[in-house]
């Protein structure tokens, strides 16, 4: 069985929540949910259908809605956000697009527009019908430069007039999104964009009415908050707790069996696994399981059987440069840094083989157009003598005369920061250069990264897909993307592949050729492709765990339909959880 430990912050938060369990429920049968549906036969009574996760008390968080912010979402790792509406599309366990709020969609004959047809009968919790205008208002809000949206790049050169609106050259009303009628949304693109539907996966709507009357913070006020999604906000105390209950007016595609979602705040980095062992939380993401914790998981059968690895969002951790200024404007310096990184040793001894595989390119194995044969491996393979020779050719023999540089990190946990501290040490030891590491606050790092000119001369970050197409992953490396690196041939290949229709093999090869340029030119130095996963309590069940086409049963990235599938089983009675306190 699990070892015991105390987590003071979590216990305090739970104490504040105990009264919530005692609140009277609407009169309903123990085996019937808020929609009158019978729960699965092995489900615990409905009053026990509560899911709790730990939120990070150290993060700066400002919204529960992705259209307001991506990088400062409240209880992000606990999946408390975006439960108050449905995106137009979703993903199944095999990363195929499936209907979300839209029941179907189609492209025009010329490929320059897409029409999305909303499911009839969807409604906001205040009785207002959900309409295409809610989506139009939401995307206009994101594009409006007054709001300084932190994911605004997503539809640049994709949605018509998006870039011009973001630049302040056109009003938000000019973006290529219109409500043809209440149930029909038409999206016009800059050119043929076969991947357009996948770019709309992340973003549920804000209510146009509430947005106009109260602004985007209506989402955070239970007195004002309205929901067209599976849950509705009932309590929010910043830095203490977030509570959402099943939305009885919800008429979408993922009606939840769960009665309530709870986010409680505490030491997420150091306290998640301990809280899990004490049955105070129901899921822990791999990022909060340390190598030492993982040894416990491997040794204890119940934990081992309920850890569910998955490919996640095909995330790669890497180092990058400002290639517009010295010393990293020198190709040989960048290549030397790439060959001085002993990623095999770092993965084996620091990261752990259970958490990743060494990366020699950007696209993780299995992602479309990725280097499955290892053809790019030699370009950045560890070779210290070769790295030293490159530095000498660059004018820095033995590191002589090379300026001290600072490796900036994006608010990493202690264990993940150690990945990059070790990477810096590997490069420093091989090249005899001075590298310090600065683990910055998340938002400050992103502000510096995206500034032009950038203030991050040498940095490290991870990136995972936003939609399943190379246009997304490789798009961050085009000269208009997030990094200060430019290769005109790379830009050409990616931009032409993005609009190529009807020849998937040629399109795939163009992306492969583009990635080779990225690796050869050392725009980035690639460290590890992550293996992701989640640890669930043994009483969590649902169709979400049905095997994918590779036999993997897990909460896959993008499977938001899962929140209509999860439920608590009857064997929760065998464990001392917060439900019985």
Protein backbone atom coordinates (compact mmCIF):
# COMPACT_ATOMS: atom_id res chain seq x y z
CA UNK A 1 0.00 0.00 0.00
CA UNK A 2 1.01 3.61 -0.27
CA UNK A 3 3.31 5.13 2.34
CA UNK A 4 1.86 7.97 4.41
CA UNK A 5 2.96 11.58 4.62
CA UNK A 6 1.45 14.89 5.66
CA UNK A 7 1.00 17.82 3.34
CA UNK A 8 0.09 20.82 5.46
CA UNK A 9 -0.94 23.19 2.70
CA UNK A 10 -3.15 20.62 1.07
CA UNK A 11 -4.76 19.59 4.33
CA UNK A 12 -5.58 23.21 5.09
CA UNK A 13 -7.20 23.59 1.71
CA UNK A 14 -9.13 20.37 2.15
CA UNK A 15 -10.39 21.51 5.55
CA UNK A 16 -11.89 24.55 3.88
CA UNK A 17 -13.63 22.26 1.44
CA UNK A 18 -15.11 19.72 3.82
CA UNK A 19 -18.36 21.62 4.13
CA UNK A 20 -18.84 21.33 0.39
CA UNK A 21 -19.32 17.59 0.73
CA UNK A 22 -22.14 18.20 3.18
CA UNK A 23 -24.05 20.55 0.89
CA UNK A 24 -27.42 19.09 0.00
CA UNK A 25 -27.70 17.77 -3.50
CA UNK A 26 -30.73 17.98 -5.70
CA UNK A 27 -32.96 15.09 -4.93
CA UNK A 28 -31.80 12.29 -7.16
CA UNK A 29 -31.10 8.61 -7.05
CA UNK A 30 -27.60 7.59 -5.90
CA UNK A 31 -26.91 5.94 -9.22
CA UNK A 32 -28.25 8.76 -11.40
CA UNK A 33 -26.28 11.81 -12.51
CA UNK A 34 -27.46 15.40 -12.83
CA UNK A 35 -28.82 14.62 -16.31
CA UNK A 36 -30.93 11.72 -15.05
CA UNK A 37 -28.66 9.10 -16.61
CA UNK A 38 -27.79 5.93 -14.71
CA UNK A 39 -24.13 5.82 -13.75
CA UNK A 40 -22.03 2.82 -14.84
CA UNK A 41 -22.81 -0.33 -12.88
CA UNK A 42 -19.52 -0.24 -10.95
CA UNK A 43 -19.77 3.48 -10.13
CA UNK A 44 -19.72 4.80 -6.58
CA UNK A 45 -22.78 6.77 -5.40
CA UNK A 46 -23.24 10.08 -7.16
CA UNK A 47 -22.33 12.16 -4.10
CA UNK A 48 -18.86 10.58 -4.27
CA UNK A 49 -18.31 11.52 -7.92
CA UNK A 50 -15.80 14.23 -7.00
CA UNK A 51 -12.38 14.73 -8.64
CA UNK A 52 -9.65 16.73 -6.89
CA UNK A 53 -6.25 17.86 -8.14
CA UNK A 54 -3.49 20.05 -6.80
CA UNK A 55 -2.92 23.54 -8.27
CA UNK A 56 0.39 25.38 -8.14
CA UNK A 57 0.53 28.05 -5.45
CA UNK A 58 3.70 29.57 -6.96
CA UNK A 59 2.40 30.41 -10.45
CA UNK A 60 0.99 33.72 -11.64
CA UNK A 61 -2.44 32.78 -12.98
CA UNK A 62 -5.13 35.07 -14.34
CA UNK A 63 -7.93 33.19 -16.11
CA UNK A 64 -9.80 29.92 -16.45
CA UNK A 65 -10.21 30.47 -20.18
CA UNK A 66 -7.66 29.77 -22.92
CA UNK A 67 -9.03 32.61 -25.11
CA UNK A 68 -7.93 35.02 -22.37
CA UNK A 69 -4.51 33.51 -21.68
CA UNK A 70 -2.67 30.27 -22.39
CA UNK A 71 0.46 30.75 -20.32
CA UNK A 72 -1.32 31.99 -17.18
CA UNK A 73 -4.29 29.66 -17.02
CA UNK A 74 -5.54 28.94 -13.50
CA UNK A 75 -4.83 25.40 -12.27
CA UNK A 76 -3.38 24.58 -15.67
CA UNK A 77 -1.82 21.24 -14.79
CA UNK A 78 -4.99 20.30 -12.93
CA UNK A 79 -7.15 20.73 -16.04
CA UNK A 80 -9.54 23.11 -14.28
CA UNK A 81 -9.64 25.54 -17.22
CA UNK A 82 -11.83 25.41 -20.34
CA UNK A 83 -14.63 23.40 -18.74
CA UNK A 84 -17.15 26.18 -19.36
CA UNK A 85 -17.52 25.73 -23.11
CA UNK A 86 -16.64 23.37 -25.95
CA UNK A 87 -14.18 23.97 -28.73
CA UNK A 88 -15.51 23.40 -32.23
CA UNK A 89 -13.52 20.18 -32.62
CA UNK A 90 -11.85 17.64 -30.37
CA UNK A 91 -9.40 14.75 -30.75
CA UNK A 92 -9.97 11.06 -30.17
CA UNK A 93 -7.39 8.73 -28.65
CA UNK A 94 -5.73 8.32 -32.06
CA UNK A 95 -5.46 12.08 -32.61
CA UNK A 96 -8.22 12.09 -35.21
CA UNK A 97 -10.43 15.16 -35.29
CA UNK A 98 -13.90 14.47 -33.92
CA UNK A 99 -16.92 16.76 -33.50
CA UNK A 100 -16.96 19.09 -30.51
CA UNK A 101 -19.41 21.96 -30.46
CA UNK A 102 -19.51 21.61 -34.25
CA UNK A 103 -21.21 18.45 -35.47
CA UNK A 104 -19.59 18.68 -38.91
CA UNK A 105 -17.46 20.94 -41.11
CA UNK A 106 -16.33 21.16 -44.71
CA UNK A 107 -13.96 23.15 -46.90
CA UNK A 108 -15.02 25.20 -49.90
CA UNK A 109 -14.11 23.92 -53.37
CA UNK A 110 -11.27 26.42 -53.67
CA UNK A 111 -9.96 25.54 -50.19
CA UNK A 112 -10.10 29.16 -49.06
CA UNK A 113 -12.81 28.82 -46.44
CA UNK A 114 -14.19 26.33 -43.95
CA UNK A 115 -17.79 26.10 -42.73
CA UNK A 116 -18.56 24.73 -39.26
CA UNK A 117 -22.08 23.63 -38.35
CA UNK A 118 -22.86 23.83 -34.63
CA UNK A 119 -24.88 21.15 -32.89
CA UNK A 120 -28.45 22.42 -32.42
CA UNK A 121 -29.79 22.93 -28.91
CA UNK A 122 -26.58 23.96 -27.15
CA UNK A 123 -27.23 26.58 -24.50
CA UNK A 124 -25.50 28.74 -21.92
CA UNK A 125 -26.37 28.18 -18.27
CA UNK A 126 -28.33 31.46 -18.18
CA UNK A 127 -30.65 30.16 -20.90
CA UNK A 128 -28.98 32.07 -23.76
CA UNK A 129 -28.50 29.87 -26.85
CA UNK A 130 -24.93 29.12 -27.88
CA UNK A 131 -24.43 30.58 -31.35
CA UNK A 132 -21.73 31.03 -33.94
CA UNK A 133 -21.53 34.66 -32.84
CA UNK A 134 -20.06 33.55 -29.51
CA UNK A 135 -17.13 32.04 -31.41
CA UNK A 136 -16.76 35.10 -33.62
CA UNK A 137 -16.68 37.39 -30.58
CA UNK A 138 -14.12 35.14 -28.90
CA UNK A 139 -11.70 35.09 -31.81
CA UNK A 140 -12.08 38.82 -32.32
CA UNK A 141 -11.20 39.29 -28.67
CA UNK A 142 -8.04 37.20 -29.12
CA UNK A 143 -6.97 39.08 -32.23
CA UNK A 144 -7.54 42.55 -30.75
CA UNK A 145 -4.08 44.03 -30.01
CA UNK A 146 -5.52 45.86 -27.00
CA UNK A 147 -5.71 42.55 -25.17
CA UNK A 148 -2.09 41.51 -25.86
CA UNK A 149 -3.13 37.87 -26.15
CA UNK A 150 -0.21 35.55 -25.43
CA UNK A 151 -1.04 33.01 -28.14
CA UNK A 152 -1.89 35.45 -30.89
CA UNK A 153 0.66 33.96 -33.29
CA UNK A 154 -1.49 30.82 -33.65
CA UNK A 155 -3.48 32.05 -36.66
CA UNK A 156 -0.97 34.41 -38.24
CA UNK A 157 -0.78 33.66 -41.98
CA UNK A 158 -3.67 31.22 -41.51
CA UNK A 159 -6.91 33.13 -40.87
CA UNK A 160 -7.53 35.95 -43.33
CA UNK A 161 -6.62 39.41 -42.01
CA UNK A 162 -5.55 37.98 -38.66
CA UNK A 163 -2.01 39.33 -38.88
CA UNK A 164 -3.24 42.76 -40.00
CA UNK A 165 -5.68 42.95 -37.09
CA UNK A 166 -3.02 41.89 -34.61
CA UNK A 167 -0.75 44.60 -36.00
CA UNK A 168 -3.47 47.20 -35.51
CA UNK A 169 -3.83 47.80 -39.23
CA UNK A 170 -7.44 46.60 -39.36
CA UNK A 171 -10.21 46.43 -36.75
CA UNK A 172 -10.97 43.04 -35.11
CA UNK A 173 -14.22 42.83 -37.08
CA UNK A 174 -12.11 42.20 -40.20
CA UNK A 175 -10.70 38.80 -39.20
CA UNK A 176 -11.86 36.03 -41.51
CA UNK A 177 -14.59 34.69 -39.23
CA UNK A 178 -18.28 35.41 -39.66
CA UNK A 179 -21.52 33.96 -38.31
CA UNK A 180 -23.51 33.03 -41.40
CA UNK A 181 -26.41 32.28 -39.08
CA UNK A 182 -26.79 31.17 -35.46
CA UNK A 183 -25.50 27.66 -36.15
CA UNK A 184 -23.05 28.31 -38.98
CA UNK A 185 -19.53 29.70 -38.65
CA UNK A 186 -17.47 30.46 -41.74
CA UNK A 187 -13.69 30.82 -41.47
CA UNK A 188 -11.80 32.36 -44.40
CA UNK A 189 -8.08 31.67 -44.70
CA UNK A 190 -5.11 33.44 -46.28
CA UNK A 191 -4.79 30.58 -48.75
CA UNK A 192 -5.53 26.86 -48.81
CA UNK A 193 -5.04 25.66 -45.23
CA UNK A 194 -5.93 21.96 -45.04
CA UNK A 195 -5.02 21.86 -41.36
CA UNK A 196 -7.31 24.76 -40.33
CA UNK A 197 -9.85 22.65 -38.35
CA UNK A 198 -7.06 21.31 -36.13
CA UNK A 199 -6.01 24.83 -35.15
CA UNK A 200 -9.43 25.40 -33.58
CA UNK A 201 -9.20 22.52 -31.13
CA UNK A 202 -7.98 24.43 -28.07
CA UNK A 203 -10.43 27.30 -27.81
CA UNK A 204 -13.92 27.11 -26.29
CA UNK A 205 -16.03 30.24 -26.62
CA UNK A 206 -16.53 33.12 -24.28
CA UNK A 207 -20.16 34.22 -24.16
CA UNK A 208 -20.50 37.24 -26.44
CA UNK A 209 -23.14 38.80 -24.19
CA UNK A 210 -21.17 38.45 -20.92
CA UNK A 211 -17.95 39.50 -22.63
CA UNK A 212 -19.55 42.72 -23.85
CA UNK A 213 -21.23 43.49 -20.52
CA UNK A 214 -18.57 42.46 -18.02
CA UNK A 215 -15.29 41.82 -19.86
CA UNK A 216 -13.37 38.52 -19.80
CA UNK A 217 -13.15 38.29 -16.00
CA UNK A 218 -16.81 37.32 -15.82
CA UNK A 219 -15.44 33.78 -16.06
CA UNK A 220 -13.86 34.11 -12.59
CA UNK A 221 -16.94 35.36 -10.72
CA UNK A 222 -19.44 32.61 -9.81
CA UNK A 223 -22.16 35.29 -9.67
CA UNK A 224 -21.50 36.26 -13.30
CA UNK A 225 -19.95 33.14 -14.77
CA UNK A 226 -21.99 31.35 -17.39
CA UNK A 227 -21.17 28.05 -19.02
CA UNK A 228 -22.06 26.23 -22.21
CA UNK A 229 -19.66 23.46 -21.20
CA UNK A 230 -19.86 20.40 -18.97
CA UNK A 231 -19.12 22.24 -15.72
CA UNK A 232 -20.05 25.57 -14.19
CA UNK A 233 -17.96 27.58 -11.74
CA UNK A 234 -19.43 27.59 -8.23
CA UNK A 235 -16.49 28.85 -6.16
CA UNK A 236 -13.17 30.55 -6.81
CA UNK A 237 -10.80 31.84 -4.15
CA UNK A 238 -7.53 32.85 -5.78
CA UNK A 239 -4.62 30.86 -4.39
CA UNK A 240 -6.93 28.64 -2.31
CA UNK A 241 -9.48 26.66 -4.33
CA UNK A 242 -11.50 26.36 -7.50
CA UNK A 243 -14.74 24.38 -7.54
CA UNK A 244 -16.84 23.56 -10.58
CA UNK A 245 -19.97 21.43 -10.60
CA UNK A 246 -21.68 19.52 -13.38
CA UNK A 247 -23.66 21.96 -15.50
CA UNK A 248 -27.29 20.73 -15.54
CA UNK A 249 -28.11 22.79 -18.66
CA UNK A 250 -25.23 21.33 -20.69
CA UNK A 251 -26.36 19.73 -23.94
CA UNK A 252 -23.03 18.97 -25.58
CA UNK A 253 -21.00 15.93 -26.51
CA UNK A 254 -19.28 15.22 -23.16
CA UNK A 255 -21.85 15.19 -20.36
CA UNK A 256 -19.92 14.35 -17.20
CA UNK A 257 -20.58 11.55 -14.75
CA UNK A 258 -18.45 13.49 -12.28
CA UNK A 259 -20.49 15.69 -9.97
CA UNK A 260 -17.70 18.09 -9.10
CA UNK A 261 -14.17 19.13 -10.02
CA UNK A 262 -11.93 20.67 -7.36
CA UNK A 263 -8.62 22.41 -7.60
CA UNK A 264 -6.80 23.00 -4.33
CA UNK A 265 -3.59 24.99 -3.99
CA UNK A 266 -0.34 23.83 -2.46
CA UNK A 267 3.26 22.94 -3.23
CA UNK A 268 2.56 21.27 -6.55
CA UNK A 269 6.18 20.45 -7.28
CA UNK A 270 7.07 18.86 -3.95
CA UNK A 271 3.64 17.96 -2.64
CA UNK A 272 1.75 16.31 -5.51
CA UNK A 273 3.06 12.77 -5.04
CA UNK A 274 2.70 12.93 -1.26
CA UNK A 275 -0.87 14.16 -1.62
CA UNK A 276 -1.55 11.34 -4.02
CA UNK A 277 -0.18 8.79 -1.57
CA UNK A 278 -2.52 10.21 1.07
CA UNK A 279 -5.50 9.91 -1.34
CA UNK A 280 -6.02 13.68 -1.21
CA UNK A 281 -5.78 14.10 -4.99
CA UNK A 282 -6.88 11.81 -7.78
CA UNK A 283 -4.28 12.34 -10.50
CA UNK A 284 -0.65 13.42 -10.74
CA UNK A 285 0.98 14.42 -14.02
CA UNK A 286 4.45 13.10 -14.79
CA UNK A 287 6.01 16.56 -14.46
CA UNK A 288 5.36 16.37 -10.70
CA UNK A 289 6.77 12.88 -10.22
CA UNK A 290 10.46 13.01 -9.35
CA UNK A 291 12.91 10.23 -10.26
CA UNK A 292 12.86 9.18 -6.59
CA UNK A 293 9.05 9.12 -6.63
CA UNK A 294 9.12 7.08 -9.78
CA UNK A 295 11.21 4.43 -8.07
CA UNK A 296 8.39 4.10 -5.54
CA UNK A 297 5.88 3.82 -8.39
CA UNK A 298 7.86 1.01 -9.97
CA UNK A 299 8.14 -0.89 -6.68
CA UNK A 300 4.48 -0.74 -5.62
CA UNK A 301 2.08 -2.78 -7.73
CA UNK A 302 -1.02 -0.58 -7.32
CA UNK A 303 0.93 2.52 -8.31
CA UNK A 304 2.70 0.76 -11.16
CA UNK A 305 -0.56 -0.55 -12.63
CA UNK A 306 -2.15 2.89 -12.53
CA UNK A 307 0.68 4.88 -14.09
CA UNK A 308 -0.34 5.43 -17.70
CA UNK A 309 2.43 6.61 -20.06
CA UNK A 310 1.60 8.26 -23.37
CA UNK A 311 3.13 10.28 -26.19
CA UNK A 312 1.48 13.46 -24.94
CA UNK A 313 1.92 16.46 -27.21
CA UNK A 314 5.16 15.17 -28.78
CA UNK A 315 7.12 17.57 -26.59
CA UNK A 316 10.82 18.26 -27.15
CA UNK A 317 13.14 20.10 -24.75
CA UNK A 318 15.88 22.11 -26.42
CA UNK A 319 18.34 24.99 -26.21
CA UNK A 320 18.15 27.95 -28.59
CA UNK A 321 20.05 31.11 -29.52
CA UNK A 322 19.65 34.70 -30.61
CA UNK A 323 21.41 34.15 -33.92
CA UNK A 324 21.18 37.81 -34.89
CA UNK A 325 23.85 38.95 -32.41
CA UNK A 326 27.33 37.69 -31.40
CA UNK A 327 28.51 35.18 -30.44
CA UNK A 328 25.66 33.00 -31.69
CA UNK A 329 25.47 34.65 -35.09
CA UNK A 330 28.43 32.38 -35.85
CA UNK A 331 27.27 29.05 -37.31
CA UNK A 332 30.35 27.20 -36.12
CA UNK A 333 29.74 28.32 -32.53
CA UNK A 334 26.17 27.01 -32.65
CA UNK A 335 27.29 23.73 -34.18
CA UNK A 336 30.01 23.41 -31.54
CA UNK A 337 27.42 23.85 -28.77
CA UNK A 338 25.26 21.17 -30.40
CA UNK A 339 28.10 18.65 -30.56
CA UNK A 340 29.25 19.44 -27.02
CA UNK A 341 25.91 18.30 -25.54
CA UNK A 342 26.14 14.74 -24.23
CA UNK A 343 22.39 14.13 -24.37
CA UNK A 344 22.70 10.34 -24.17
CA UNK A 345 24.40 10.58 -20.79
CA UNK A 346 22.02 13.27 -19.54
CA UNK A 347 18.94 11.22 -20.45
CA UNK A 348 20.39 8.06 -18.95
CA UNK A 349 21.66 9.58 -15.70
CA UNK A 350 19.66 12.76 -15.05
CA UNK A 351 16.35 12.69 -16.90
CA UNK A 352 15.72 8.96 -16.77
CA UNK A 353 14.84 6.64 -19.62
CA UNK A 354 11.25 6.45 -18.34
CA UNK A 355 10.80 10.15 -19.03
CA UNK A 356 12.40 10.62 -22.43
CA UNK A 357 14.68 9.60 -25.28
CA UNK A 358 17.70 11.59 -26.55
CA UNK A 359 16.76 14.13 -29.22
CA UNK A 360 18.88 14.93 -32.25
CA UNK A 361 16.14 16.77 -34.12
CA UNK A 362 13.02 18.74 -33.26
CA UNK A 363 10.08 16.56 -34.32
CA UNK A 364 9.57 13.66 -31.94
CA UNK A 365 9.33 10.12 -33.33
CA UNK A 366 5.81 9.39 -34.50
CA UNK A 367 4.97 13.00 -35.29
CA UNK A 368 4.20 13.60 -39.00
CA UNK A 369 7.41 14.15 -41.04
CA UNK A 370 9.64 13.18 -38.10
CA UNK A 371 13.06 11.60 -38.62
CA UNK A 372 12.05 8.02 -37.86
CA UNK A 373 15.18 6.56 -39.50
CA UNK A 374 17.66 8.67 -37.56
CA UNK A 375 19.11 10.31 -40.66
CA UNK A 376 19.60 13.58 -38.77
CA UNK A 377 21.29 11.94 -35.77
CA UNK A 378 24.91 12.53 -36.92
CA UNK A 379 24.40 16.27 -37.36
CA UNK A 380 24.18 17.00 -33.63
CA UNK A 381 25.63 13.79 -32.15
CA UNK A 382 27.94 14.29 -29.17
CA UNK A 383 31.53 14.64 -30.37
CA UNK A 384 33.66 16.79 -28.08
CA UNK A 385 36.81 16.84 -30.27
CA UNK A 386 34.72 17.91 -33.26
CA UNK A 387 33.03 20.57 -31.13
CA UNK A 388 36.40 21.91 -29.97
CA UNK A 389 37.62 22.05 -33.57
CA UNK A 390 34.55 24.04 -34.58
CA UNK A 391 35.18 26.54 -31.78
CA UNK A 392 38.78 26.94 -32.91
CA UNK A 393 37.60 27.58 -36.48
CA UNK A 394 35.20 30.18 -35.10
CA UNK A 395 38.11 32.02 -33.49
CA UNK A 396 37.84 30.66 -29.94
CA UNK A 397 40.53 27.97 -29.60
CA UNK A 398 40.15 26.20 -26.28
CA UNK A 399 37.35 28.64 -25.47
CA UNK A 400 39.82 31.53 -25.37
CA UNK A 401 38.12 34.91 -25.80
CA UNK A 402 34.58 33.48 -25.75
CA UNK A 403 32.31 35.75 -23.69
CA UNK A 404 30.50 34.46 -20.62
CA UNK A 405 26.90 33.62 -21.48
CA UNK A 406 23.74 33.09 -19.45
CA UNK A 407 21.36 30.23 -20.13
CA UNK A 408 17.84 31.43 -19.28
CA UNK A 409 15.13 28.97 -18.25
CA UNK A 410 11.34 29.34 -18.26
CA UNK A 411 10.33 28.89 -14.63
CA UNK A 412 11.35 25.24 -14.55
CA UNK A 413 10.89 22.91 -11.60
CA UNK A 414 14.03 22.01 -9.69
CA UNK A 415 14.28 18.59 -11.32
CA UNK A 416 13.71 19.90 -14.84
CA UNK A 417 16.05 22.85 -14.30
CA UNK A 418 18.65 20.23 -13.49
CA UNK A 419 18.30 18.88 -17.02
CA UNK A 420 19.53 22.18 -18.38
CA UNK A 421 22.06 22.84 -15.65
CA UNK A 422 23.64 19.53 -16.62
CA UNK A 423 23.39 20.47 -20.30
CA UNK A 424 25.21 23.73 -19.62
CA UNK A 425 27.87 21.82 -17.70
CA UNK A 426 28.32 19.38 -20.58
CA UNK A 427 28.87 22.21 -23.06
CA UNK A 428 31.03 24.21 -20.66
CA UNK A 429 33.30 21.29 -19.78
CA UNK A 430 33.83 20.35 -23.41
CA UNK A 431 34.39 23.84 -24.81
CA UNK A 432 35.96 25.54 -21.76
CA UNK A 433 33.38 28.34 -21.80
CA UNK A 434 31.62 30.09 -18.92
CA UNK A 435 27.85 29.42 -18.77
CA UNK A 436 25.63 30.47 -15.88
CA UNK A 437 22.01 29.38 -15.53
CA UNK A 438 19.13 31.72 -14.63
CA UNK A 439 15.77 30.07 -13.93
CA UNK A 440 13.43 33.00 -14.57
CA UNK A 441 9.79 33.58 -13.68
CA UNK A 442 7.62 32.09 -16.44
CA UNK A 443 5.95 35.24 -17.76
CA UNK A 444 9.17 37.29 -17.61
CA UNK A 445 10.93 34.65 -19.70
CA UNK A 446 8.17 34.58 -22.31
CA UNK A 447 8.08 38.37 -22.50
CA UNK A 448 11.81 38.44 -23.15
CA UNK A 449 11.65 35.58 -25.65
CA UNK A 450 8.96 37.21 -27.74
CA UNK A 451 10.40 40.75 -27.54
CA UNK A 452 11.94 42.11 -30.75
CA UNK A 453 14.83 42.31 -30.45
CA UNK A 454 14.73 39.39 -28.06
CA UNK A 455 16.31 39.70 -24.63
CA UNK A 456 17.03 35.96 -24.43
CA UNK A 457 20.45 35.50 -25.98
CA UNK A 458 20.71 31.83 -24.98
CA UNK A 459 17.73 29.95 -23.60
CA UNK A 460 16.10 26.60 -23.02
CA UNK A 461 12.47 25.65 -23.35
CA UNK A 462 10.17 22.82 -24.32
CA UNK A 463 7.60 22.85 -27.07
CA UNK A 464 4.74 20.49 -27.87
CA UNK A 465 2.19 20.49 -30.62
CA UNK A 466 -0.89 22.69 -30.70
CA UNK A 467 -2.32 20.65 -33.58
CA UNK A 468 -1.14 17.52 -35.37
CA UNK A 469 0.63 18.92 -38.41
CA UNK A 470 4.26 19.89 -39.11
CA UNK A 471 3.06 23.39 -39.99
CA UNK A 472 2.53 23.89 -36.26
CA UNK A 473 5.76 22.50 -34.81
CA UNK A 474 8.06 23.81 -37.54
CA UNK A 475 6.12 27.05 -37.66
CA UNK A 476 7.75 28.24 -34.42
CA UNK A 477 11.08 28.30 -36.29
CA UNK A 478 10.07 30.42 -39.30
CA UNK A 479 11.49 33.91 -39.18
CA UNK A 480 8.15 35.31 -38.00
CA UNK A 481 7.92 32.75 -35.18
CA UNK A 482 9.10 32.77 -31.60
CA UNK A 483 12.83 32.29 -32.18
CA UNK A 484 15.46 34.75 -33.39
CA UNK A 485 16.77 32.47 -36.11
CA UNK A 486 16.29 32.88 -39.83
CA UNK A 487 16.97 30.61 -42.76
CA UNK A 488 15.27 31.77 -45.98
CA UNK A 489 15.22 28.29 -47.50
CA UNK A 490 13.65 26.89 -44.34
CA UNK A 491 10.99 29.61 -44.48
CA UNK A 492 10.28 28.85 -48.13
CA UNK A 493 9.93 25.11 -47.62
CA UNK A 494 7.63 25.43 -44.63
CA UNK A 495 5.46 28.15 -46.14
CA UNK A 496 5.06 26.30 -49.45
CA UNK A 497 4.35 22.99 -47.72
CA UNK A 498 1.74 24.69 -45.55
CA UNK A 499 -0.45 25.45 -48.56
CA UNK A 500 0.27 22.35 -50.65
CA UNK A 501 -2.89 20.32 -51.25
CA UNK A 502 -3.28 16.98 -53.01
CA UNK A 503 0.31 15.70 -52.78
CA UNK A 504 0.92 14.50 -49.21
CA UNK A 505 4.20 12.73 -50.02
CA UNK A 506 5.79 15.86 -51.49
CA UNK A 507 4.45 17.94 -48.62
CA UNK A 508 5.91 15.51 -46.09
CA UNK A 509 9.31 15.58 -47.78
CA UNK A 510 9.36 19.38 -47.84
CA UNK A 511 8.90 19.42 -44.07
CA UNK A 512 11.66 16.81 -43.69
CA UNK A 513 14.00 18.92 -45.81
CA UNK A 514 13.14 21.96 -43.72
CA UNK A 515 13.91 20.18 -40.46
CA UNK A 516 17.28 19.08 -41.84
CA UNK A 517 18.12 22.75 -42.44
CA UNK A 518 17.10 23.57 -38.86
CA UNK A 519 19.32 20.84 -37.42
CA UNK A 520 22.28 21.58 -39.72
CA UNK A 521 22.10 25.29 -39.03
CA UNK A 522 21.77 24.61 -35.30
CA UNK A 523 18.83 26.93 -34.85
CA UNK A 524 18.26 24.79 -31.78
CA UNK A 525 20.23 22.21 -29.84
CA UNK A 526 17.85 19.36 -29.12
CA UNK A 527 18.04 17.53 -25.80
CA UNK A 528 15.16 15.12 -25.19
CA UNK A 529 11.83 13.95 -26.60
CA UNK A 530 9.63 13.51 -23.55
CA UNK A 531 7.75 10.39 -22.59
CA UNK A 532 4.74 11.65 -20.70
CA UNK A 533 2.21 10.03 -18.41
CA UNK A 534 -0.23 10.31 -15.52
CA UNK A 535 -0.64 8.51 -12.23
CA UNK A 536 -4.30 7.82 -11.40
CA UNK A 537 -5.94 6.53 -8.28
CA UNK A 538 -7.10 2.91 -8.73
CA UNK A 539 -10.75 3.95 -8.41
CA UNK A 540 -10.70 6.22 -11.51
CA UNK A 541 -12.34 4.63 -14.55
CA UNK A 542 -13.91 5.54 -17.88
CA UNK A 543 -13.81 5.05 -21.63
CA UNK A 544 -10.88 7.46 -21.66
CA UNK A 545 -8.67 4.47 -20.88
CA UNK A 546 -9.76 2.47 -23.91
CA UNK A 547 -6.64 1.44 -25.89
CA UNK A 548 -5.62 3.49 -28.91
CA UNK A 549 -4.48 1.86 -32.15
CA UNK A 550 -1.10 1.16 -30.54
CA UNK A 551 -2.67 -0.52 -27.52
CA UNK A 552 -2.04 2.40 -25.13
CA UNK A 553 -4.82 3.26 -22.70
CA UNK A 554 -4.23 6.71 -21.23
CA UNK A 555 -5.43 10.29 -20.96
CA UNK A 556 -3.93 11.31 -24.29
CA UNK A 557 -3.14 14.90 -25.14
CA UNK A 558 -6.17 16.63 -26.63
CA UNK A 559 -8.76 14.10 -25.45
CA UNK A 560 -11.06 16.65 -23.83
CA UNK A 561 -14.01 14.33 -24.38
CA UNK A 562 -12.55 12.29 -21.50
CA UNK A 563 -14.17 14.62 -18.96
CA UNK A 564 -17.50 13.14 -19.99
CA UNK A 565 -16.12 9.65 -19.45
CA UNK A 566 -14.36 9.64 -16.08
CA UNK A 567 -16.11 8.35 -12.98
CA UNK A 568 -15.30 7.07 -9.49
CA UNK A 569 -15.73 3.33 -8.96
CA UNK A 570 -17.22 1.56 -5.97
CA UNK A 571 -13.82 0.39 -4.73
CA UNK A 572 -13.14 3.96 -3.60
CA UNK A 573 -14.69 2.67 -0.36
CA UNK A 574 -11.53 0.57 0.16
CA UNK A 575 -9.35 3.68 0.45
CA UNK A 576 -9.24 6.49 3.05
CA UNK A 577 -9.94 9.36 0.63
CA UNK A 578 -11.25 12.85 1.35
CA UNK A 579 -14.68 11.62 0.30
CA UNK A 580 -15.05 9.65 3.53
CA UNK A 581 -13.57 12.26 5.89
